[in-house]
Structure formats: C-alpha cells, structure tokens
Amino acid sequence: MQTLGKSIAQDISGLVTKNRKKLMAFGVITLILGVVGTFMSTVVTMSSIFVIGLFVILGGLIFLVEAFSAPKYDGKVFSIIIALFYVFAGITMVVDPLGSAVWFTMFIAIFLIVIGVMRMLTGIQMKNEVGSWGWIVFSGVINVVLGVLIMSEWPISGLWVIGLFISIELIMQGINAIVLSQTVKVVQKDIREDLEG
C-alpha cells in the first residue's frame, strides 16, 4: 500500500514538474516580451489597438446577428444601433490605430485622475478606521500624478502610453510566473524529501 502511495506521489510529482517547467518558460518568454516592448512601446500601442479593433468588430457583428435574429421586443432598434456603433468603433480602430490610441490615452489619463481622487477621498474617510489609510491616499496621489503627466504630454503620449502599460503588465506577469514556478519547485522538493524520509 505504501509503495502504491509513493508511486502515485511520483506520478503527481512528474506532472507538477512538467507543468512547472512550462510555467517557468511562459514566465521567461513573457518577461522578455515585456522588456522588449518597453523599447518598442509605439509598435505595441499600434498593434494592440489594431487587435482590439478586430475583436470589437467581431463583437459588434455578433450583437448585430443576435439583434436581428431575436424576436421583436421594445429595445430591438436600440440593440441594433449599439451593435452598429461597436462595428463602426472597431473599424475606426483598425483603420486609424494612431488616432484611436491618442483618444484612448486621454481616456486613460482622465480615468487615472478620477480613480486617484476617489482613492484619496476614501483614504481620508477611513483615517480613523484603517491604520494603512496613508497608503491608500498615497496610491491615489500616484494615480493623479500619473494621469496629469500623461495628459500634459498629450497627444504625443498617445504613441507610447498604452504600449508601455501593456509591456509593464507583461513584465509583472512574467515575474509572477517565474516566482510561482520557483515556489512550486521548493514545495515539491520538501514533499519529495518527506516521502523519501
């Protein structure tokens, strides 16, 4: 029975090792892509807007087909108008990724400022309830500063902001995957030693 248990544990360990190596490879590749992307933020920006545009067109077409195929209801005309708006927006993004990126960047800047102000107000309101309220206010200040910086460089910032954000996200995902892979390796080693002991 003990031999059978060890055999099952070894099979699971082999499976974990295989997936851990894949996770490590994913982390390394993602990290490299993120680092490269920071030096090519304009290309990443244009590419991402183009791809998002294709998905928006696809989503709009699906909504349009569903709206026409659905039985009559009060909001059918409104649903068709929304679907057509999606298609139009997607086509605009595909045809003019640069212009779309510029306006997306303005939206991002406004969003950061609004979220930052809300965080600061939330932190101040929680001053007497949460000990770490200062960090909440600080993160809000960072958001506002980042939003103002992006807005101050607009429309030029539209060329690189989205690409830079995506690249930073890739770097963070890559680091997380690598750290998780290493953590699994350590845990796996401890389990193996327990089984052998």
Protein backbone atom coordinates (compact mmCIF):
# COMPACT_ATOMS: atom_id res chain seq x y z
CA MET A 1 0.00 0.00 0.00
CA GLN A 2 2.87 2.34 0.92
CA THR A 3 4.58 1.51 -2.41
CA LEU A 4 1.37 2.34 -4.27
CA GLY A 5 1.15 5.68 -2.42
CA LYS A 6 4.73 6.53 -3.35
CA SER A 7 4.07 5.56 -6.98
CA ILE A 8 1.04 7.88 -7.15
CA ALA A 9 3.04 10.66 -5.47
CA GLN A 10 5.84 10.21 -8.00
CA ASP A 11 3.37 10.38 -10.89
CA ILE A 12 1.88 13.60 -9.47
CA SER A 13 5.37 14.97 -8.89
CA GLY A 14 6.29 14.25 -12.52
CA LEU A 15 3.15 16.01 -13.72
CA VAL A 16 3.87 19.01 -11.47
CA THR A 17 7.47 19.17 -12.73
CA LYS A 18 6.28 19.19 -16.35
CA ASN A 19 3.77 21.98 -15.69
CA ARG A 20 6.26 23.88 -13.52
CA LYS A 21 8.75 23.94 -16.38
CA LYS A 22 6.04 25.18 -18.76
CA LEU A 23 5.15 27.90 -16.25
CA MET A 24 8.80 28.89 -15.98
CA ALA A 25 9.15 29.01 -19.79
CA PHE A 26 5.97 31.11 -20.02
CA GLY A 27 7.34 33.46 -17.36
CA VAL A 28 10.70 33.90 -19.08
CA ILE A 29 9.14 34.47 -22.53
CA THR A 30 6.57 36.92 -21.14
CA LEU A 31 9.26 38.80 -19.23
CA ILE A 32 11.44 39.07 -22.35
CA LEU A 33 8.47 40.27 -24.44
CA GLY A 34 7.65 42.86 -21.79
CA VAL A 35 11.21 44.17 -21.64
CA VAL A 36 11.45 44.34 -25.44
CA GLY A 37 8.03 46.01 -25.52
CA THR A 38 9.20 48.86 -23.30
CA PHE A 39 11.68 49.81 -26.02
CA MET A 40 9.04 49.44 -28.76
CA SER A 41 6.05 50.96 -26.97
CA THR A 42 4.76 52.71 -30.10
CA VAL A 43 4.67 49.44 -32.06
CA VAL A 44 2.98 47.68 -29.12
CA THR A 45 0.44 50.50 -28.88
CA MET A 46 -0.48 50.37 -32.57
CA SER A 47 -0.61 46.57 -32.62
CA SER A 48 -2.77 46.33 -29.51
CA ILE A 49 -5.25 48.94 -30.78
CA PHE A 50 -5.46 47.10 -34.13
CA VAL A 51 -6.12 43.74 -32.44
CA ILE A 52 -8.65 45.26 -30.01
CA GLY A 53 -10.37 46.83 -33.03
CA LEU A 54 -10.74 43.42 -34.68
CA PHE A 55 -12.31 42.00 -31.51
CA VAL A 56 -14.66 44.98 -31.24
CA ILE A 57 -15.78 44.47 -34.86
CA LEU A 58 -16.34 40.76 -34.19
CA GLY A 59 -18.32 41.55 -31.02
CA GLY A 60 -20.41 44.12 -32.89
CA LEU A 61 -21.21 41.67 -35.69
CA ILE A 62 -22.25 39.01 -33.17
CA PHE A 63 -24.51 41.52 -31.39
CA LEU A 64 -25.94 42.57 -34.74
CA VAL A 65 -26.77 38.99 -35.78
CA GLU A 66 -28.34 38.32 -32.36
CA ALA A 67 -30.38 41.53 -32.55
CA PHE A 68 -31.78 40.67 -35.99
CA SER A 69 -32.40 37.01 -35.17
CA ALA A 70 -34.14 37.71 -31.84
CA PRO A 71 -37.94 38.02 -31.78
CA LYS A 72 -39.43 41.51 -31.71
CA TYR A 73 -39.00 43.39 -28.45
CA ASP A 74 -39.08 47.04 -27.36
CA GLY A 75 -35.32 47.54 -27.31
CA LYS A 76 -34.51 45.80 -30.62
CA VAL A 77 -33.80 49.01 -32.56
CA PHE A 78 -31.62 50.26 -29.70
CA SER A 79 -29.68 46.95 -29.68
CA ILE A 80 -29.08 47.22 -33.44
CA ILE A 81 -27.81 50.80 -33.05
CA ILE A 82 -25.40 49.72 -30.28
CA ALA A 83 -24.15 46.81 -32.42
CA LEU A 84 -23.57 49.15 -35.38
CA PHE A 85 -21.73 51.54 -33.07
CA TYR A 86 -19.45 48.67 -31.99
CA VAL A 87 -18.72 47.79 -35.62
CA PHE A 88 -18.05 51.43 -36.50
CA ALA A 89 -15.76 51.89 -33.48
CA GLY A 90 -13.86 48.70 -34.34
CA ILE A 91 -13.40 49.73 -37.98
CA THR A 92 -12.12 53.14 -36.80
CA MET A 93 -9.58 51.43 -34.54
CA VAL A 94 -8.38 49.14 -37.33
CA VAL A 95 -8.22 51.87 -39.99
CA ASP A 96 -6.74 54.56 -37.71
CA PRO A 97 -4.95 52.88 -34.77
CA LEU A 98 -2.85 56.01 -34.16
CA GLY A 99 -5.84 58.33 -33.76
CA SER A 100 -7.66 55.74 -31.66
CA ALA A 101 -4.62 55.31 -29.42
CA VAL A 102 -4.45 59.08 -28.86
CA TRP A 103 -8.07 59.23 -27.70
CA PHE A 104 -7.71 56.06 -25.64
CA THR A 105 -4.75 57.66 -23.90
CA MET A 106 -6.82 60.72 -23.00
CA PHE A 107 -9.47 58.39 -21.56
CA ILE A 108 -6.78 56.55 -19.55
CA ALA A 109 -5.44 59.86 -18.17
CA ILE A 110 -8.92 61.02 -17.10
CA PHE A 111 -9.66 57.59 -15.62
CA LEU A 112 -6.43 57.64 -13.58
CA ILE A 113 -7.18 61.11 -12.24
CA VAL A 114 -10.77 60.24 -11.28
CA ILE A 115 -9.75 56.94 -9.64
CA GLY A 116 -6.88 58.72 -7.86
CA VAL A 117 -9.17 61.40 -6.41
CA MET A 118 -11.65 58.72 -5.30
CA ARG A 119 -8.86 56.75 -3.60
CA MET A 120 -7.59 59.84 -1.79
CA LEU A 121 -11.10 60.69 -0.55
CA THR A 122 -11.66 57.06 0.51
CA GLY A 123 -8.34 57.01 2.38
CA ILE A 124 -9.15 60.26 4.21
CA GLN A 125 -12.62 58.98 5.14
CA MET A 126 -11.07 55.76 6.53
CA LYS A 127 -8.47 57.68 8.54
CA ASN A 128 -9.96 56.74 11.91
CA GLU A 129 -10.83 53.16 10.92
CA VAL A 130 -7.84 51.81 8.98
CA GLY A 131 -4.23 52.14 10.05
CA SER A 132 -2.93 51.97 6.48
CA TRP A 133 -5.14 54.83 5.22
CA GLY A 134 -1.98 56.77 4.31
CA TRP A 135 -1.02 54.18 1.70
CA ILE A 136 -4.49 54.43 0.14
CA VAL A 137 -4.11 58.21 -0.10
CA PHE A 138 -0.56 57.81 -1.46
CA SER A 139 -1.70 55.40 -4.18
CA GLY A 140 -4.41 57.91 -5.11
CA VAL A 141 -1.83 60.68 -5.36
CA ILE A 142 0.33 58.47 -7.63
CA ASN A 143 -2.68 57.83 -9.87
CA VAL A 144 -3.45 61.54 -10.14
CA VAL A 145 0.20 62.46 -10.84
CA LEU A 146 0.43 59.74 -13.50
CA GLY A 147 -2.83 60.91 -15.11
CA VAL A 148 -1.68 64.55 -15.11
CA LEU A 149 1.71 63.60 -16.60
CA ILE A 150 0.04 61.62 -19.39
CA MET A 151 -2.38 64.48 -20.06
CA SER A 152 0.41 67.07 -20.07
CA GLU A 153 2.22 65.15 -22.82
CA TRP A 154 -0.98 64.50 -24.81
CA PRO A 155 -1.36 63.86 -27.75
CA ILE A 156 2.28 62.66 -28.04
CA SER A 157 1.74 60.37 -25.05
CA GLY A 158 -0.84 58.53 -27.17
CA LEU A 159 2.03 56.99 -29.12
CA TRP A 160 3.59 55.16 -26.18
CA VAL A 161 1.37 55.06 -23.07
CA ILE A 162 -0.78 52.04 -23.98
CA GLY A 163 2.22 50.07 -25.25
CA LEU A 164 4.21 50.90 -22.12
CA PHE A 165 1.36 49.85 -19.83
CA ILE A 166 0.97 46.55 -21.71
CA SER A 167 4.74 45.94 -21.58
CA ILE A 168 4.84 46.62 -17.83
CA GLU A 169 1.93 44.23 -17.34
CA LEU A 170 3.81 41.56 -19.34
CA ILE A 171 6.90 42.09 -17.17
CA MET A 172 4.84 41.73 -13.98
CA GLN A 173 3.09 38.60 -15.29
CA GLY A 174 6.45 37.12 -16.30
CA ILE A 175 7.98 37.79 -12.87
CA ASN A 176 4.90 36.33 -11.13
CA ALA A 177 5.06 33.16 -13.25
CA ILE A 178 8.79 32.72 -12.56
CA VAL A 179 8.35 33.25 -8.81
CA LEU A 180 5.39 30.85 -8.73
CA SER A 181 7.41 28.24 -10.63
CA GLN A 182 10.28 28.55 -8.14
CA THR A 183 7.86 28.32 -5.20
CA VAL A 184 6.35 25.14 -6.62
CA LYS A 185 9.87 23.74 -7.04
CA VAL A 186 10.69 24.36 -3.36
CA VAL A 187 7.39 22.85 -2.17
CA GLN A 188 7.87 19.88 -4.48
CA LYS A 189 11.38 19.34 -3.07
CA ASP A 190 10.03 19.37 0.50
CA ILE A 191 7.32 16.84 -0.38
CA ARG A 192 9.87 14.59 -2.10
CA GLU A 193 12.13 14.67 0.97
CA ASP A 194 9.18 13.81 3.22
CA LEU A 195 8.27 10.83 1.02
CA GLU A 196 11.86 9.58 0.97
CA GLY A 197 12.17 10.08 4.72
